[in-house]
Amino acid sequence: MARRTSSIASTQPKKIARRRVNHNEKPVKLVSGTRRNSKTELSRETRKSRPNPSKRSPNLLVRLFLYLLRIGIMGVGIGAIAGTTLTIINPQDILAAYLKASQLVKPSPEETKEEKPEKVTPKSSATIPVSEELTALKEKIQKIDAKYPNVKPQAWFIDLDNGAYVTYNGTQPIPAASTIKIPVLVAFFQEVDKGNIHLDQMLTMTKDVMVSGSGDMQYMQENKKFPAIEVARKMIVISDNTATEMLVKQIGGKEVLNQRFKEWGMKNTEINNILPDLEGTNKTSSEDLSKLLARIERGDLISARSRDRLISIMEGTRTRTLLPQGLEKQANIAHKTGDIGTIIGDAGIIDMPTGKRYIGAVFAERAYDDIAGRHLIQEISRTVYQHFKYYQPRPVPKTVKKPVETQPQPEETTSNSNPTEG
């Protein structure tokens, strides 16, 4: 019994010790029956992940060798391409062509001198193609004139399809009133084409150009700025006198403009006074204005782009009590009116629905604000429109006749042949 007690006593503490280990000690990792500390294991794994210094050298040598090999292959490829190109293109030929071209473009001693802009001399207005005078239409205008004994008219019209024209005192000078703004507008677009004025250039309305009469710019604040194209549009659309004086100043003054008018072949057109020219010292004629518009219509004096802008501006003229009153509703007119009380006038480019285009200018000298002058211009406009609409039939379009294909005939025929064939 003593032995059994001792054996039991000896085994009892062991169980207690195992329980203490399981509950009080931290768990440890057992490898092959032995305990390893986690810090020791981490240090060993870190040493394994580090590359071996002895193994890095061969890798660098291999990479360097591959890099040099690639450069060598690329150099061989470039050399092959260059060799092939040189076999196709001869460098000597290229050099010879370059030397030859340099000799061709080598400026001459005269060209090396400072170039001066050439003075452009516009074509004379006499180059406007005119054919026969329409005597029948002239007689109709005479009858209208007889109906208004207290009004003195003058007119000049041309049919652009065939150059036929009519004049009724149209070559005589007459006070221009606001129709003088038509040649000023042409001169403005000439300056635009030369680059001396830009359409979006801001022009200052100084005190010296602010004048009375028609237009609303005179009521605006002094030194106000406007784009140049807006000034030109106001000059025509609402006949603004201040806008006109701004452009006259910008172009160079009335002397510069008068010289230009003479170069254009306008014999009776000149500016002598600021607007409104109630004394009638600014002059023009129906022939001058009509021929000027005819030159613009066919592409003279200004570029095609400026011509289109000019016509578009003149189509917006708000006063439509003169020439437009004699046209059909489907017709279109680009024009400019003038009125100083004793003289009224209108000049424009008229497009008919049939496609015909003609140009004309009419003035009426009358008692101050006599309504008969306006009625005379309206009646002349209506008569000319109807005459150009019916006086000549439309030309028949030319058709190209196709050659009649003939079939080959036998050299000998045994039957009777049709005499219309062959």
Protein backbone atom coordinates (compact mmCIF):
# COMPACT_ATOMS: atom_id res chain seq x y z
CA MET A 1 0.00 0.00 0.00
CA ALA A 2 2.90 2.32 0.68
CA ARG A 3 4.21 1.81 -2.82
CA ARG A 4 0.93 2.56 -4.46
CA THR A 5 0.59 5.74 -2.41
CA SER A 6 4.00 6.97 -3.40
CA SER A 7 3.40 6.26 -7.05
CA ILE A 8 0.18 8.13 -6.98
CA ALA A 9 1.82 10.96 -5.14
CA SER A 10 4.62 11.09 -7.65
CA THR A 11 2.31 11.28 -10.65
CA GLN A 12 -0.03 13.86 -9.27
CA PRO A 13 2.33 16.86 -9.47
CA LYS A 14 3.13 16.07 -13.10
CA LYS A 15 -0.48 16.55 -14.15
CA ILE A 16 -0.61 19.82 -12.27
CA ALA A 17 2.55 21.00 -13.96
CA ARG A 18 1.18 20.18 -17.42
CA ARG A 19 -1.94 22.16 -16.66
CA ARG A 20 0.15 25.17 -15.69
CA VAL A 21 2.01 25.01 -18.92
CA ASN A 22 -1.17 24.78 -20.93
CA HIS A 23 -2.82 27.70 -19.15
CA ASN A 24 -0.07 30.06 -18.02
CA GLU A 25 2.67 29.81 -20.64
CA LYS A 26 2.54 31.23 -24.15
CA PRO A 27 2.18 28.72 -26.94
CA VAL A 28 5.35 27.82 -28.74
CA LYS A 29 5.87 26.31 -32.14
CA LEU A 30 7.18 22.77 -32.10
CA VAL A 31 9.37 21.68 -34.94
CA SER A 32 10.69 18.12 -34.85
CA GLY A 33 9.76 17.82 -31.23
CA THR A 34 11.67 20.99 -30.17
CA ARG A 35 10.48 24.46 -29.20
CA ARG A 36 11.44 27.54 -31.39
CA ASN A 37 11.06 31.11 -30.46
CA SER A 38 9.05 33.25 -32.93
CA LYS A 39 11.77 35.93 -33.02
CA THR A 40 14.36 33.35 -33.92
CA GLU A 41 12.16 32.00 -36.69
CA LEU A 42 11.59 35.57 -38.10
CA SER A 43 15.31 36.30 -38.15
CA ARG A 44 16.02 33.10 -40.06
CA GLU A 45 13.25 33.75 -42.59
CA THR A 46 14.60 37.26 -43.13
CA ARG A 47 18.06 35.89 -43.83
CA LYS A 48 16.60 33.49 -46.36
CA SER A 49 14.74 36.28 -48.22
CA ARG A 50 17.89 38.35 -48.67
CA PRO A 51 19.69 37.69 -51.93
CA ASN A 52 23.00 36.07 -51.77
CA PRO A 53 25.71 38.59 -52.62
CA SER A 54 27.65 35.94 -54.40
CA LYS A 55 24.71 35.27 -56.78
CA ARG A 56 24.12 38.94 -57.87
CA SER A 57 27.20 39.36 -59.96
CA PRO A 58 26.31 36.79 -62.66
CA ASN A 59 22.85 38.34 -63.10
CA LEU A 60 24.32 41.81 -63.74
CA LEU A 61 26.78 40.42 -66.27
CA VAL A 62 23.99 38.62 -68.13
CA ARG A 63 21.85 41.75 -68.26
CA LEU A 64 24.75 43.85 -69.46
CA PHE A 65 25.51 41.32 -72.17
CA LEU A 66 21.87 41.22 -73.34
CA TYR A 67 21.71 45.03 -73.39
CA LEU A 68 24.83 45.29 -75.55
CA LEU A 69 23.51 42.53 -77.81
CA ARG A 70 20.24 44.43 -78.37
CA ILE A 71 22.09 47.65 -79.21
CA GLY A 72 24.20 45.76 -81.68
CA ILE A 73 21.18 44.21 -83.38
CA MET A 74 19.45 47.58 -83.58
CA GLY A 75 22.56 49.18 -85.09
CA VAL A 76 22.74 46.46 -87.73
CA GLY A 77 19.04 47.04 -88.58
CA ILE A 78 19.47 50.81 -88.92
CA GLY A 79 22.50 50.30 -91.09
CA ALA A 80 20.58 47.94 -93.36
CA ILE A 81 17.71 50.43 -93.73
CA ALA A 82 20.09 53.29 -94.45
CA GLY A 83 21.95 51.25 -97.04
CA THR A 84 18.75 50.30 -98.79
CA THR A 85 17.60 53.95 -98.84
CA LEU A 86 20.89 55.16 -100.29
CA THR A 87 20.66 52.59 -103.07
CA ILE A 88 17.28 54.03 -104.05
CA ILE A 89 17.99 57.74 -103.50
CA ASN A 90 21.27 59.14 -104.71
CA PRO A 91 22.56 61.84 -102.33
CA GLN A 92 24.40 63.52 -105.17
CA ASP A 93 21.16 64.00 -107.06
CA ILE A 94 19.55 65.58 -104.01
CA LEU A 95 22.48 67.95 -103.55
CA ALA A 96 22.41 68.94 -107.22
CA ALA A 97 18.69 69.62 -107.10
CA TYR A 98 19.11 71.74 -103.96
CA LEU A 99 21.87 73.85 -105.54
CA LYS A 100 19.82 74.31 -108.69
CA ALA A 101 16.76 75.39 -106.70
CA SER A 102 18.81 77.85 -104.65
CA GLN A 103 20.08 79.44 -107.83
CA LEU A 104 16.56 79.75 -109.17
CA VAL A 105 15.22 81.51 -106.08
CA LYS A 106 18.29 83.69 -105.60
CA PRO A 107 17.03 87.27 -105.64
CA SER A 108 18.36 89.61 -108.25
CA PRO A 109 20.06 92.88 -107.25
CA GLU A 110 16.91 94.76 -108.21
CA GLU A 111 14.81 92.53 -105.96
CA THR A 112 17.12 93.09 -102.98
CA LYS A 113 16.30 96.77 -103.06
CA GLU A 114 13.55 98.02 -100.79
CA GLU A 115 10.26 97.30 -102.49
CA LYS A 116 7.74 100.09 -102.72
CA PRO A 117 4.04 99.29 -102.99
CA GLU A 118 2.83 99.74 -106.51
CA LYS A 119 0.10 102.27 -107.06
CA VAL A 120 -2.96 100.45 -108.28
CA THR A 121 -4.73 102.35 -111.03
CA PRO A 122 -8.35 101.22 -111.16
CA LYS A 123 -9.96 100.65 -114.50
CA SER A 124 -11.87 103.52 -116.04
CA SER A 125 -15.62 103.50 -115.67
CA ALA A 126 -15.74 103.69 -119.46
CA THR A 127 -14.97 99.97 -119.44
CA ILE A 128 -18.52 99.30 -118.27
CA PRO A 129 -19.98 97.35 -121.20
CA VAL A 130 -22.79 99.44 -122.64
CA SER A 131 -24.54 98.67 -125.88
CA GLU A 132 -27.47 100.52 -127.42
CA GLU A 133 -29.59 103.10 -125.68
CA LEU A 134 -33.16 102.08 -124.99
CA THR A 135 -35.01 104.86 -126.82
CA ALA A 136 -38.43 103.35 -126.14
CA LEU A 137 -37.76 103.45 -122.42
CA LYS A 138 -36.47 107.00 -122.68
CA GLU A 139 -39.72 108.08 -124.29
CA LYS A 140 -41.65 106.56 -121.39
CA ILE A 141 -39.58 108.58 -118.91
CA GLN A 142 -40.24 111.73 -120.91
CA LYS A 143 -43.97 111.16 -120.54
CA ILE A 144 -43.57 110.76 -116.77
CA ASP A 145 -41.54 113.98 -116.63
CA ALA A 146 -44.33 115.82 -118.42
CA LYS A 147 -46.75 114.82 -115.66
CA TYR A 148 -44.64 116.63 -113.01
CA PRO A 149 -43.86 120.11 -114.36
CA ASN A 150 -42.53 121.38 -111.02
CA VAL A 151 -39.99 118.56 -110.67
CA LYS A 152 -36.77 118.20 -112.65
CA PRO A 153 -35.64 114.55 -112.88
CA GLN A 154 -32.44 112.86 -113.93
CA ALA A 155 -31.87 109.11 -114.31
CA TRP A 156 -29.41 106.52 -115.62
CA PHE A 157 -30.17 102.77 -115.84
CA ILE A 158 -28.29 99.82 -117.33
CA ASP A 159 -29.35 96.24 -118.00
CA LEU A 160 -26.44 94.07 -116.87
CA ASP A 161 -27.55 91.16 -119.08
CA ASN A 162 -26.79 92.92 -122.36
CA GLY A 163 -25.44 96.40 -121.55
CA ALA A 164 -28.52 98.22 -122.85
CA TYR A 165 -28.95 101.52 -121.01
CA VAL A 166 -31.07 104.64 -120.78
CA THR A 167 -30.06 108.12 -119.66
CA TYR A 168 -32.33 111.05 -118.91
CA ASN A 169 -30.18 114.07 -118.00
CA GLY A 170 -28.11 111.44 -116.19
CA THR A 171 -24.68 112.93 -116.91
CA GLN A 172 -25.36 116.31 -115.30
CA PRO A 173 -23.94 117.01 -111.82
CA ILE A 174 -26.46 117.29 -109.01
CA PRO A 175 -26.28 117.67 -105.20
CA ALA A 176 -25.51 114.21 -103.87
CA ALA A 177 -27.19 114.45 -100.46
CA SER A 178 -26.63 111.12 -98.65
CA THR A 179 -25.98 109.16 -101.85
CA ILE A 180 -22.38 110.40 -101.47
CA LYS A 181 -22.11 107.68 -98.83
CA ILE A 182 -22.02 105.00 -101.55
CA PRO A 183 -18.53 105.92 -102.84
CA VAL A 184 -17.39 106.48 -99.23
CA LEU A 185 -18.46 102.90 -98.47
CA VAL A 186 -16.52 101.63 -101.50
CA ALA A 187 -13.42 103.52 -100.34
CA PHE A 188 -13.85 102.04 -96.85
CA PHE A 189 -13.78 98.49 -98.20
CA GLN A 190 -10.75 99.33 -100.32
CA GLU A 191 -8.94 100.25 -97.12
CA VAL A 192 -10.12 96.99 -95.56
CA ASP A 193 -8.74 95.02 -98.52
CA LYS A 194 -5.39 96.82 -98.19
CA GLY A 195 -5.21 96.04 -94.48
CA ASN A 196 -5.28 99.71 -93.46
CA ILE A 197 -8.58 99.23 -91.63
CA HIS A 198 -9.82 96.09 -89.89
CA LEU A 199 -13.51 95.36 -89.61
CA ASP A 200 -13.25 94.83 -85.84
CA GLN A 201 -10.99 97.84 -85.35
CA MET A 202 -12.38 100.21 -82.74
CA LEU A 203 -12.95 103.76 -84.02
CA THR A 204 -13.35 106.65 -81.59
CA MET A 205 -16.19 109.11 -82.07
CA THR A 206 -14.35 112.34 -81.30
CA LYS A 207 -16.07 115.70 -80.97
CA ASP A 208 -14.90 116.97 -84.37
CA VAL A 209 -16.82 114.25 -86.23
CA MET A 210 -20.07 114.53 -84.30
CA VAL A 211 -22.50 116.29 -86.64
CA SER A 212 -26.23 116.84 -86.83
CA GLY A 213 -28.81 115.51 -89.22
CA SER A 214 -29.75 111.88 -89.66
CA GLY A 215 -28.48 109.12 -87.41
CA ASP A 216 -28.34 108.45 -83.67
CA MET A 217 -24.59 108.45 -82.98
CA GLN A 218 -24.64 112.23 -82.43
CA TYR A 219 -26.65 111.66 -79.25
CA MET A 220 -24.19 109.21 -77.73
CA GLN A 221 -21.33 109.95 -75.35
CA GLU A 222 -18.27 111.65 -76.79
CA ASN A 223 -15.19 109.41 -77.33
CA LYS A 224 -17.37 106.32 -77.48
CA LYS A 225 -15.75 103.52 -79.49
CA PHE A 226 -17.41 101.52 -82.26
CA PRO A 227 -16.19 98.63 -84.45
CA ALA A 228 -15.39 99.90 -87.94
CA ILE A 229 -17.92 97.57 -89.60
CA GLU A 230 -20.66 98.92 -87.30
CA VAL A 231 -19.79 102.49 -88.27
CA ALA A 232 -19.99 101.56 -91.97
CA ARG A 233 -23.32 99.82 -91.46
CA LYS A 234 -24.81 102.79 -89.59
CA MET A 235 -23.66 105.12 -92.36
CA ILE A 236 -25.83 103.24 -94.88
CA VAL A 237 -28.65 101.55 -92.99
CA ILE A 238 -29.77 104.59 -90.97
CA SER A 239 -27.79 107.15 -93.03
CA ASP A 240 -25.85 108.30 -89.97
CA ASN A 241 -23.92 111.51 -90.75
CA THR A 242 -21.58 111.16 -87.77
CA ALA A 243 -20.61 107.66 -88.93
CA THR A 244 -19.87 109.08 -92.38
CA GLU A 245 -17.56 111.76 -90.98
CA MET A 246 -15.77 109.15 -88.87
CA LEU A 247 -15.00 107.05 -91.97
CA VAL A 248 -14.01 110.09 -94.06
CA LYS A 249 -11.50 111.02 -91.33
CA GLN A 250 -10.24 107.45 -91.00
CA ILE A 251 -9.67 107.12 -94.76
CA GLY A 252 -7.70 110.36 -94.94
CA GLY A 253 -10.09 113.23 -95.50
CA LYS A 254 -12.14 114.62 -98.35
CA GLU A 255 -9.11 115.48 -100.52
CA VAL A 256 -7.96 111.85 -100.48
CA LEU A 257 -11.46 110.67 -101.32
CA ASN A 258 -11.96 113.18 -104.14
CA GLN A 259 -8.73 112.05 -105.76
CA ARG A 260 -9.85 108.46 -105.51
CA PHE A 261 -13.23 109.26 -107.05
CA LYS A 262 -11.44 110.77 -110.07
CA GLU A 263 -9.29 107.64 -110.39
CA TRP A 264 -12.48 105.60 -110.50
CA GLY A 265 -13.73 107.71 -113.42
CA MET A 266 -16.42 109.54 -111.46
CA LYS A 267 -16.38 112.86 -113.31
CA ASN A 268 -19.02 114.68 -111.29
CA THR A 269 -18.55 113.25 -107.78
CA GLU A 270 -16.77 115.15 -105.00
CA ILE A 271 -17.04 115.99 -101.30
CA ASN A 272 -16.80 119.69 -100.46
CA ASN A 273 -18.63 119.96 -97.16
CA ILE A 274 -19.35 118.00 -93.99
CA LEU A 275 -22.77 116.42 -93.59
CA PRO A 276 -25.55 117.35 -93.57
CA ASP A 277 -24.75 119.27 -96.73
CA LEU A 278 -27.96 121.29 -96.92
CA GLU A 279 -26.35 123.74 -99.36
CA GLY A 280 -25.82 120.95 -101.87
CA THR A 281 -22.08 121.48 -102.39
CA ASN A 282 -21.32 117.72 -102.42
CA LYS A 283 -21.89 116.62 -106.00
CA THR A 284 -22.51 113.46 -108.03
CA SER A 285 -24.60 112.28 -110.99
CA SER A 286 -26.85 109.36 -111.82
CA GLU A 287 -24.31 108.08 -114.33
CA ASP A 288 -21.44 108.22 -111.80
CA LEU A 289 -23.33 106.25 -109.17
CA SER A 290 -24.75 103.68 -111.59
CA LYS A 291 -21.38 102.97 -113.22
CA LEU A 292 -19.70 102.74 -109.81
CA LEU A 293 -22.25 100.16 -108.66
CA ALA A 294 -21.86 98.31 -111.96
CA ARG A 295 -18.11 98.04 -111.38
CA ILE A 296 -18.65 96.78 -107.84
CA GLU A 297 -21.20 94.23 -109.06
CA ARG A 298 -18.80 92.75 -111.59
CA GLY A 299 -15.89 92.54 -109.12
CA ASP A 300 -13.85 95.71 -109.75
CA LEU A 301 -12.26 98.02 -107.16
CA ILE A 302 -12.79 95.76 -104.14
CA SER A 303 -12.48 92.05 -103.38
CA ALA A 304 -15.34 89.63 -103.82
CA ARG A 305 -15.68 89.27 -100.05
CA SER A 306 -15.90 93.03 -99.57
CA ARG A 307 -18.34 93.28 -102.46
CA ASP A 308 -20.65 90.77 -100.77
CA ARG A 309 -20.46 92.70 -97.50
CA LEU A 310 -21.13 95.99 -99.29
CA ILE A 311 -24.22 94.64 -101.04
CA SER A 312 -25.46 93.06 -97.81
CA ILE A 313 -25.15 96.38 -95.99
CA MET A 314 -26.97 98.27 -98.75
CA GLU A 315 -29.78 95.70 -98.70
CA GLY A 316 -30.49 96.80 -95.12
CA THR A 317 -31.27 100.43 -95.99
CA ARG A 318 -34.34 101.33 -93.95
CA THR A 319 -35.71 104.14 -96.12
CA ARG A 320 -37.74 102.39 -98.82
CA THR A 321 -39.94 105.18 -100.13
CA LEU A 322 -38.25 105.71 -103.53
CA LEU A 323 -36.91 102.99 -105.87
CA PRO A 324 -38.30 100.04 -103.84
CA GLN A 325 -41.86 101.33 -104.34
CA GLY A 326 -41.70 100.58 -108.05
CA LEU A 327 -40.61 96.93 -107.68
CA GLU A 328 -42.52 93.71 -107.28
CA LYS A 329 -42.56 92.13 -103.84
CA GLN A 330 -40.33 89.25 -104.98
CA ALA A 331 -37.65 91.66 -106.23
CA ASN A 332 -34.60 92.56 -104.17
CA ILE A 333 -32.71 95.85 -104.00
CA ALA A 334 -29.43 96.99 -102.46
CA HIS A 335 -29.54 100.79 -102.46
CA LYS A 336 -28.89 104.11 -100.71
CA THR A 337 -31.17 107.13 -100.61
CA GLY A 338 -30.48 110.84 -100.20
CA ASP A 339 -32.66 113.76 -99.15
CA ILE A 340 -31.81 117.38 -98.39
CA GLY A 341 -35.32 118.71 -98.89
CA THR A 342 -34.87 120.25 -102.34
CA ILE A 343 -33.06 117.20 -103.77
CA ILE A 344 -33.98 113.56 -103.25
CA GLY A 345 -32.44 110.55 -104.93
CA ASP A 346 -31.89 106.81 -104.80
CA ALA A 347 -29.34 104.47 -106.41
CA GLY A 348 -29.15 100.70 -106.23
CA ILE A 349 -28.73 97.20 -107.64
CA ILE A 350 -32.04 95.49 -108.45
CA ASP A 351 -32.58 91.74 -108.80
CA MET A 352 -35.77 90.59 -110.51
CA PRO A 353 -37.45 87.23 -109.79
CA THR A 354 -36.64 86.17 -113.35
CA GLY A 355 -32.93 86.39 -112.61
CA LYS A 356 -32.35 89.65 -114.48
CA ARG A 357 -30.22 92.25 -112.69
CA TYR A 358 -30.06 95.93 -113.50
CA ILE A 359 -28.61 99.05 -111.89
CA GLY A 360 -30.00 102.56 -111.74
CA ALA A 361 -30.00 105.94 -110.07
CA VAL A 362 -32.73 108.59 -110.08
CA PHE A 363 -32.74 112.13 -108.68
CA ALA A 364 -35.50 114.71 -108.46
CA GLU A 365 -35.03 118.43 -107.97
CA ARG A 366 -38.16 119.92 -106.43
CA ALA A 367 -39.59 122.53 -104.12
CA TYR A 368 -38.68 121.86 -100.52
CA ASP A 369 -40.34 118.60 -99.40
CA ASP A 370 -42.67 118.58 -102.40
CA ILE A 371 -44.23 115.11 -102.44
CA ALA A 372 -44.32 115.22 -106.25
CA GLY A 373 -40.59 114.49 -106.36
CA ARG A 374 -41.08 111.22 -104.51
CA HIS A 375 -43.98 110.19 -106.73
CA LEU A 376 -41.91 110.91 -109.85
CA ILE A 377 -39.06 108.63 -108.69
CA GLN A 378 -41.50 105.87 -107.77
CA GLU A 379 -43.16 106.04 -111.17
CA ILE A 380 -39.84 106.01 -113.03
CA SER A 381 -38.76 103.00 -110.99
CA ARG A 382 -41.98 101.14 -111.80
CA THR A 383 -41.71 101.95 -115.51
CA VAL A 384 -38.11 100.83 -115.80
CA TYR A 385 -38.83 97.61 -113.91
CA GLN A 386 -41.72 96.67 -116.16
CA HIS A 387 -39.79 97.60 -119.28
CA PHE A 388 -36.83 95.39 -118.32
CA LYS A 389 -39.27 92.63 -117.51
CA TYR A 390 -40.97 92.53 -120.92
CA TYR A 391 -38.96 94.47 -123.50
CA GLN A 392 -36.85 91.54 -124.64
CA PRO A 393 -37.60 87.80 -124.69
CA ARG A 394 -35.37 85.57 -122.69
CA PRO A 395 -32.62 84.00 -124.76
CA VAL A 396 -33.17 80.37 -125.69
CA PRO A 397 -30.56 78.16 -123.99
CA LYS A 398 -28.09 76.76 -126.43
CA THR A 399 -28.15 72.98 -126.76
CA VAL A 400 -25.32 70.93 -128.10
CA LYS A 401 -26.49 68.64 -130.90
CA LYS A 402 -25.21 65.13 -130.65
CA PRO A 403 -23.69 63.77 -133.87
CA VAL A 404 -25.89 61.24 -135.62
CA GLU A 405 -24.30 57.84 -135.48
CA THR A 406 -24.21 56.19 -138.93
CA GLN A 407 -24.06 52.48 -139.38
CA PRO A 408 -21.57 51.13 -141.93
CA GLN A 409 -23.19 50.33 -145.27
CA PRO A 410 -22.16 47.40 -147.48
CA GLU A 411 -20.18 48.34 -150.53
CA GLU A 412 -22.71 46.76 -152.87
CA THR A 413 -26.45 46.58 -152.31
CA THR A 414 -28.88 44.53 -154.31
CA SER A 415 -32.02 46.20 -152.96
CA ASN A 416 -33.20 49.81 -153.09
CA SER A 417 -31.77 51.87 -150.24
CA ASN A 418 -33.51 54.70 -148.41
CA PRO A 419 -32.14 58.03 -149.73
CA THR A 420 -32.58 59.72 -146.35
CA GLU A 421 -30.09 57.43 -144.69
CA GLY A 422 -26.38 57.47 -144.91
